[in-house]
Protein backbone atom coordinates (compact mmCIF):
# COMPACT_ATOMS: atom_id res chain seq x y z
CA MET A 1 12.21 -28.89 -17.74
CA ASP A 2 11.12 -26.80 -20.71
CA SER A 3 12.65 -27.18 -24.18
CA PHE A 4 15.04 -24.23 -23.79
CA LYS A 5 16.45 -25.59 -20.53
CA LEU A 6 16.81 -29.06 -22.02
CA GLY A 7 18.59 -27.69 -25.07
CA PHE A 8 20.89 -25.59 -22.94
CA LEU A 9 21.68 -28.58 -20.73
CA LEU A 10 22.36 -30.69 -23.81
CA GLY A 11 24.80 -28.08 -25.11
CA LEU A 12 26.64 -27.96 -21.80
CA LEU A 13 26.88 -31.74 -21.61
CA VAL A 14 28.15 -32.04 -25.17
CA GLY A 15 30.69 -29.24 -24.73
CA GLU A 16 31.89 -29.74 -21.16
CA GLY A 17 30.28 -32.85 -19.66
CA HIS A 18 32.01 -35.89 -18.26
CA PHE A 19 30.07 -39.11 -17.87
CA GLY A 20 31.66 -41.56 -15.49
CA GLY A 21 31.67 -42.62 -11.90
CA ASP A 22 33.76 -43.35 -8.86
CA GLY A 23 33.55 -47.14 -9.09
CA LYS A 24 30.52 -47.24 -6.78
CA GLN A 25 28.07 -44.85 -8.37
CA PRO A 26 27.71 -43.05 -11.70
CA HIS A 27 27.92 -39.31 -12.07
CA ILE A 28 27.84 -36.51 -14.58
CA THR A 29 30.25 -33.67 -13.93
CA LEU A 30 30.96 -30.25 -15.40
CA ARG A 31 34.14 -28.44 -14.45
CA MET A 32 34.58 -24.87 -15.60
CA HIS A 33 36.30 -21.63 -14.60
CA ALA A 34 34.97 -19.89 -11.51
CA ARG A 35 33.78 -16.98 -13.65
CA HIS A 36 30.87 -19.28 -14.65
CA LYS A 37 29.48 -19.39 -11.10
CA GLN A 38 26.08 -17.99 -12.17
CA LEU A 39 25.78 -20.71 -14.80
CA PHE A 40 26.51 -23.36 -12.19
CA GLU A 41 23.95 -21.82 -9.83
CA TRP A 42 21.40 -21.97 -12.67
CA LEU A 43 22.21 -25.65 -13.19
CA THR A 44 21.84 -26.38 -9.48
CA ARG A 45 18.43 -24.65 -9.43
CA ASN A 46 17.18 -26.37 -12.59
CA VAL A 47 18.57 -29.88 -12.22
CA PRO A 48 17.11 -31.45 -9.07
CA GLY A 49 19.62 -33.38 -6.98
CA SER A 50 22.67 -31.70 -8.50
CA ARG A 51 25.36 -30.12 -6.35
CA LEU A 52 27.99 -27.46 -6.79
CA TYR A 53 31.49 -27.82 -5.32
CA GLY A 54 34.24 -25.27 -5.10
CA PRO A 55 35.68 -22.93 -5.93
CA TYR A 56 38.90 -24.89 -6.23
CA ASN A 57 42.35 -23.50 -6.95
CA HIS A 58 44.80 -26.04 -8.37
CA GLY A 59 47.81 -25.48 -10.58
CA GLY A 60 46.81 -21.93 -11.43
CA ARG A 61 43.26 -22.95 -12.27
CA ASN A 62 40.24 -21.48 -10.48
CA TYR A 63 37.11 -23.57 -11.07
CA TYR A 64 33.84 -24.99 -9.84
CA GLN A 65 32.62 -28.52 -10.29
CA TRP A 66 28.95 -29.38 -10.73
CA MET A 67 27.84 -32.97 -10.14
CA LEU A 68 24.73 -34.99 -10.71
CA ARG A 69 24.60 -38.43 -9.10
CA GLY A 70 22.40 -40.68 -7.02
CA GLU A 71 18.64 -40.33 -7.33
CA GLY A 72 18.95 -37.05 -9.22
CA LEU A 73 20.93 -38.80 -11.95
CA LYS A 74 18.58 -41.78 -12.04
CA LYS A 75 15.63 -39.43 -12.53
CA MET A 76 17.49 -37.56 -15.29
CA ILE A 77 18.28 -40.70 -17.35
CA PRO A 78 14.87 -40.92 -19.13
CA LEU A 79 15.14 -37.24 -20.01
CA LEU A 80 18.66 -37.63 -21.37
CA ASP A 81 17.65 -40.78 -23.26
CA ASN A 82 15.06 -38.76 -25.15
CA LEU A 83 17.50 -36.06 -26.27
CA PRO A 84 19.09 -36.35 -29.74
CA LEU A 85 22.51 -36.89 -28.20
CA ALA A 86 23.59 -39.59 -30.68
CA GLU A 87 22.67 -37.37 -33.61
CA ILE A 88 24.33 -34.23 -32.25
CA SER A 89 27.49 -35.71 -30.72
CA PRO A 90 28.23 -39.40 -31.25
CA VAL A 91 31.32 -39.11 -29.02
CA THR A 92 29.29 -37.72 -26.11
CA TYR A 93 26.55 -40.29 -26.72
CA GLU A 94 29.13 -43.08 -26.57
CA ARG A 95 30.50 -41.80 -23.23
CA TYR A 96 26.95 -41.52 -21.87
CA GLN A 97 26.10 -45.07 -22.98
CA LYS A 98 29.35 -46.39 -21.48
CA MET A 99 28.48 -44.80 -18.12
CA LYS A 100 25.02 -46.40 -18.24
CA GLU A 101 26.51 -49.76 -19.14
CA ASN A 102 29.22 -49.61 -16.47
CA TYR A 103 26.71 -48.80 -13.74
CA GLY A 104 23.69 -50.83 -14.88
CA LEU A 105 21.52 -47.83 -15.67
CA ASP A 106 18.65 -48.49 -18.05
CA LYS A 107 16.32 -45.52 -18.52
CA GLY A 108 16.61 -44.67 -14.84
CA ASP A 109 14.83 -47.76 -13.51
CA LYS A 110 17.74 -49.59 -11.86
């Protein structure tokens, strides 16, 4: 991934990202209005192993959900670890670290 794509991904994760899991496996998710479909398609093309779900319509909301989990997430961990996430958004960094801790992820090698 080139520096522009990494920076763009970092911005999306800081602004909209959720770091968590389902109790069995970790995941990173982005949920945004359906009008951002092209953005989600770009993410799916540029982040190997990611998937796009939707569109969903709940409670008057119309949105897509992008997810990164499994091997795709494990391969992304070293890349994310090298981004200045702690410097740019301590709150996001804390959520990212908590996900890694909860699921035993250490630089993508577990």
